[in-house]
Amino acid sequence: MEDLLICRCEGVCLAKILQSINEGATSVQGVKKRTRAGMGYCQGRTCQPILRDLLKEKVGTNSMAQLQKAQAPVRPIRLGDL
């Protein structure tokens, strides 16, 4: 169960997230900084709700106010396409 993939963009497993919570992460941003979960292509759209629920279960705080803002993926484009 601990090898369950939570952030598929960055390849972060449940064990790594639980370890970051045990080391003191109390928010989605804290977990993100320790594990890179939410920094991939989807910018946390997939894993952020799971992280929020894990934090609520393990830490007991409502981390809704501490959610990161999703950003649009950045891709290089040719100047001719503009």
N, C-alpha and C. Protein backbone atom coordinates (compact mmCIF):
# COMPACT_ATOMS: atom_id res chain seq x y z
N MET A 1 0.82 -1.19 0.00
CA MET A 1 0.00 0.00 0.00
C MET A 1 0.87 1.26 0.00
N GLU A 2 2.02 1.21 0.64
CA GLU A 2 2.88 2.39 0.73
C GLU A 2 3.53 2.75 -0.60
N ASP A 3 3.53 1.80 -1.57
CA ASP A 3 4.08 2.11 -2.88
C ASP A 3 3.01 2.61 -3.84
N LEU A 4 1.85 2.96 -3.28
CA LEU A 4 0.75 3.51 -4.07
C LEU A 4 1.15 4.86 -4.64
N LEU A 5 1.04 5.01 -5.95
CA LEU A 5 1.45 6.23 -6.62
C LEU A 5 0.39 7.31 -6.42
N ILE A 6 0.76 8.42 -5.78
CA ILE A 6 -0.16 9.52 -5.52
C ILE A 6 -0.01 10.60 -6.58
N CYS A 7 1.20 11.03 -6.84
CA CYS A 7 1.47 12.04 -7.86
C CYS A 7 2.10 11.34 -9.05
N ARG A 8 1.32 11.08 -10.05
CA ARG A 8 1.84 10.32 -11.19
C ARG A 8 2.75 11.16 -12.08
N CYS A 9 2.59 12.47 -12.07
CA CYS A 9 3.45 13.33 -12.89
C CYS A 9 4.89 13.33 -12.39
N GLU A 10 5.07 13.33 -11.08
CA GLU A 10 6.40 13.37 -10.48
C GLU A 10 6.83 12.03 -9.90
N GLY A 11 5.94 11.03 -9.92
CA GLY A 11 6.28 9.70 -9.42
C GLY A 11 6.43 9.63 -7.91
N VAL A 12 5.58 10.34 -7.19
CA VAL A 12 5.67 10.38 -5.72
C VAL A 12 4.70 9.36 -5.13
N CYS A 13 5.22 8.47 -4.30
CA CYS A 13 4.43 7.41 -3.69
C CYS A 13 3.89 7.84 -2.32
N LEU A 14 2.93 7.09 -1.84
CA LEU A 14 2.30 7.36 -0.55
C LEU A 14 3.32 7.37 0.59
N ALA A 15 4.28 6.45 0.56
CA ALA A 15 5.28 6.37 1.63
C ALA A 15 6.07 7.66 1.75
N LYS A 16 6.43 8.26 0.64
CA LYS A 16 7.19 9.51 0.65
C LYS A 16 6.35 10.66 1.22
N ILE A 17 5.08 10.68 0.89
CA ILE A 17 4.18 11.72 1.40
C ILE A 17 3.97 11.55 2.90
N LEU A 18 3.75 10.32 3.34
CA LEU A 18 3.57 10.08 4.78
C LEU A 18 4.84 10.43 5.55
N GLN A 19 6.00 10.16 4.96
CA GLN A 19 7.26 10.50 5.60
C GLN A 19 7.38 12.03 5.75
N SER A 20 6.97 12.76 4.73
CA SER A 20 7.05 14.23 4.82
C SER A 20 6.10 14.77 5.88
N ILE A 21 4.94 14.15 6.04
CA ILE A 21 4.01 14.56 7.09
C ILE A 21 4.60 14.26 8.46
N ASN A 22 5.22 13.09 8.61
CA ASN A 22 5.86 12.73 9.87
C ASN A 22 7.04 13.65 10.20
N GLU A 23 7.66 14.20 9.17
CA GLU A 23 8.80 15.11 9.37
C GLU A 23 8.36 16.55 9.63
N GLY A 24 7.04 16.80 9.61
CA GLY A 24 6.58 18.12 9.99
C GLY A 24 5.75 18.88 8.97
N ALA A 25 5.51 18.33 7.79
CA ALA A 25 4.68 19.03 6.81
C ALA A 25 3.24 19.06 7.31
N THR A 26 2.65 20.25 7.35
CA THR A 26 1.28 20.40 7.83
C THR A 26 0.36 21.03 6.80
N SER A 27 0.86 21.21 5.58
CA SER A 27 0.05 21.81 4.52
C SER A 27 0.43 21.18 3.18
N VAL A 28 -0.40 21.44 2.18
CA VAL A 28 -0.12 20.93 0.84
C VAL A 28 1.20 21.52 0.35
N GLN A 29 1.43 22.80 0.62
CA GLN A 29 2.69 23.43 0.22
C GLN A 29 3.89 22.78 0.91
N GLY A 30 3.74 22.41 2.18
CA GLY A 30 4.83 21.75 2.90
C GLY A 30 5.17 20.40 2.30
N VAL A 31 4.15 19.63 1.94
CA VAL A 31 4.37 18.34 1.30
C VAL A 31 4.99 18.55 -0.08
N LYS A 32 4.51 19.54 -0.79
CA LYS A 32 5.02 19.83 -2.13
C LYS A 32 6.51 20.16 -2.10
N LYS A 33 6.92 20.97 -1.14
CA LYS A 33 8.32 21.36 -1.04
C LYS A 33 9.23 20.19 -0.67
N ARG A 34 8.70 19.24 0.08
CA ARG A 34 9.52 18.10 0.50
C ARG A 34 9.55 16.97 -0.52
N THR A 35 8.48 16.82 -1.32
CA THR A 35 8.37 15.64 -2.18
C THR A 35 8.24 15.93 -3.67
N ARG A 36 7.95 17.17 -4.06
CA ARG A 36 7.67 17.58 -5.44
C ARG A 36 6.28 17.14 -5.91
N ALA A 37 5.46 16.62 -5.03
CA ALA A 37 4.09 16.26 -5.41
C ALA A 37 3.34 17.53 -5.77
N GLY A 38 2.72 17.56 -6.93
CA GLY A 38 1.99 18.73 -7.38
C GLY A 38 2.81 19.67 -8.24
N MET A 39 4.04 19.29 -8.56
CA MET A 39 4.90 20.15 -9.37
C MET A 39 5.01 19.66 -10.81
N GLY A 40 4.28 18.64 -11.14
CA GLY A 40 4.39 18.06 -12.47
C GLY A 40 3.50 18.74 -13.50
N TYR A 41 3.25 18.05 -14.56
CA TYR A 41 2.51 18.57 -15.71
C TYR A 41 1.12 19.07 -15.33
N CYS A 42 0.43 18.37 -14.44
CA CYS A 42 -0.95 18.76 -14.11
C CYS A 42 -1.01 19.83 -13.03
N GLN A 43 0.14 20.20 -12.44
CA GLN A 43 0.21 21.24 -11.42
C GLN A 43 -0.69 20.96 -10.21
N GLY A 44 -0.82 19.69 -9.85
CA GLY A 44 -1.56 19.31 -8.65
C GLY A 44 -3.04 19.07 -8.85
N ARG A 45 -3.53 19.17 -10.05
CA ARG A 45 -4.96 18.96 -10.27
C ARG A 45 -5.39 17.54 -9.92
N THR A 46 -4.49 16.59 -10.07
CA THR A 46 -4.81 15.19 -9.77
C THR A 46 -4.51 14.83 -8.32
N CYS A 47 -3.34 15.21 -7.83
CA CYS A 47 -2.91 14.74 -6.51
C CYS A 47 -3.28 15.68 -5.36
N GLN A 48 -3.56 16.93 -5.63
CA GLN A 48 -3.82 17.88 -4.55
C GLN A 48 -5.03 17.49 -3.68
N PRO A 49 -6.14 17.04 -4.23
CA PRO A 49 -7.24 16.60 -3.36
C PRO A 49 -6.86 15.41 -2.47
N ILE A 50 -6.03 14.52 -2.99
CA ILE A 50 -5.57 13.37 -2.20
C ILE A 50 -4.66 13.85 -1.07
N LEU A 51 -3.76 14.77 -1.38
CA LEU A 51 -2.87 15.33 -0.36
C LEU A 51 -3.68 16.03 0.73
N ARG A 52 -4.68 16.79 0.32
CA ARG A 52 -5.52 17.49 1.28
C ARG A 52 -6.21 16.51 2.22
N ASP A 53 -6.74 15.42 1.67
CA ASP A 53 -7.42 14.42 2.49
C ASP A 53 -6.45 13.70 3.43
N LEU A 54 -5.25 13.39 2.94
CA LEU A 54 -4.24 12.76 3.79
C LEU A 54 -3.85 13.67 4.95
N LEU A 55 -3.66 14.95 4.66
CA LEU A 55 -3.31 15.90 5.71
C LEU A 55 -4.43 16.04 6.73
N LYS A 56 -5.65 16.06 6.25
CA LYS A 56 -6.80 16.17 7.16
C LYS A 56 -6.86 14.96 8.09
N GLU A 57 -6.57 13.79 7.53
CA GLU A 57 -6.60 12.55 8.32
C GLU A 57 -5.43 12.47 9.30
N LYS A 58 -4.23 12.81 8.85
CA LYS A 58 -3.03 12.63 9.66
C LYS A 58 -2.77 13.79 10.63
N VAL A 59 -2.99 15.01 10.16
CA VAL A 59 -2.67 16.19 10.96
C VAL A 59 -3.91 16.69 11.70
N GLY A 60 -5.07 16.52 11.08
CA GLY A 60 -6.31 16.92 11.71
C GLY A 60 -6.70 18.36 11.45
N THR A 61 -5.96 19.05 10.60
CA THR A 61 -6.32 20.43 10.29
C THR A 61 -7.00 20.49 8.94
N ASN A 62 -7.79 21.52 8.77
CA ASN A 62 -8.43 21.74 7.47
C ASN A 62 -7.47 22.54 6.61
N SER A 63 -6.86 21.92 5.63
CA SER A 63 -5.86 22.58 4.82
C SER A 63 -6.46 23.16 3.54
N MET A 64 -7.76 23.38 3.51
CA MET A 64 -8.40 23.93 2.33
C MET A 64 -7.86 25.32 1.99
N ALA A 65 -7.59 26.13 2.99
CA ALA A 65 -7.13 27.49 2.74
C ALA A 65 -5.69 27.52 2.26
N GLN A 66 -4.99 26.40 2.35
CA GLN A 66 -3.58 26.36 2.01
C GLN A 66 -3.31 25.69 0.67
N LEU A 67 -4.32 25.60 -0.17
CA LEU A 67 -4.13 24.93 -1.45
C LEU A 67 -3.34 25.81 -2.40
N GLN A 68 -2.56 25.16 -3.22
CA GLN A 68 -1.81 25.90 -4.22
C GLN A 68 -2.70 26.23 -5.40
N LYS A 69 -2.38 27.28 -6.11
CA LYS A 69 -3.13 27.64 -7.30
C LYS A 69 -2.61 26.83 -8.47
N ALA A 70 -3.51 26.28 -9.24
CA ALA A 70 -3.11 25.52 -10.42
C ALA A 70 -2.64 26.48 -11.49
N GLN A 71 -1.56 26.12 -12.14
CA GLN A 71 -1.01 26.95 -13.20
C GLN A 71 -1.13 26.20 -14.52
N ALA A 72 -1.28 26.95 -15.56
CA ALA A 72 -1.36 26.34 -16.89
C ALA A 72 0.01 25.76 -17.25
N PRO A 73 0.02 24.61 -17.92
CA PRO A 73 1.30 24.05 -18.35
C PRO A 73 1.99 24.99 -19.34
N VAL A 74 3.28 25.08 -19.24
CA VAL A 74 4.05 25.95 -20.12
C VAL A 74 4.73 25.08 -21.17
N ARG A 75 4.53 25.45 -22.41
CA ARG A 75 5.15 24.73 -23.53
C ARG A 75 5.82 25.73 -24.44
N PRO A 76 6.99 25.43 -24.93
CA PRO A 76 7.60 26.34 -25.90
C PRO A 76 6.84 26.30 -27.22
N ILE A 77 6.68 27.45 -27.82
CA ILE A 77 6.05 27.51 -29.15
C ILE A 77 6.95 28.31 -30.08
N ARG A 78 6.80 28.06 -31.36
CA ARG A 78 7.59 28.78 -32.34
C ARG A 78 7.02 30.19 -32.54
N LEU A 79 7.90 31.13 -32.77
CA LEU A 79 7.46 32.51 -32.99
C LEU A 79 6.53 32.62 -34.19
N GLY A 80 6.76 31.80 -35.19
CA GLY A 80 5.92 31.81 -36.38
C GLY A 80 4.48 31.43 -36.09
N ASP A 81 4.25 30.66 -34.99
CA ASP A 81 2.89 30.25 -34.61
C ASP A 81 2.12 31.38 -33.93
N LEU A 82 2.84 32.40 -33.45
CA LEU A 82 2.18 33.52 -32.80
C LEU A 82 1.54 34.39 -33.84
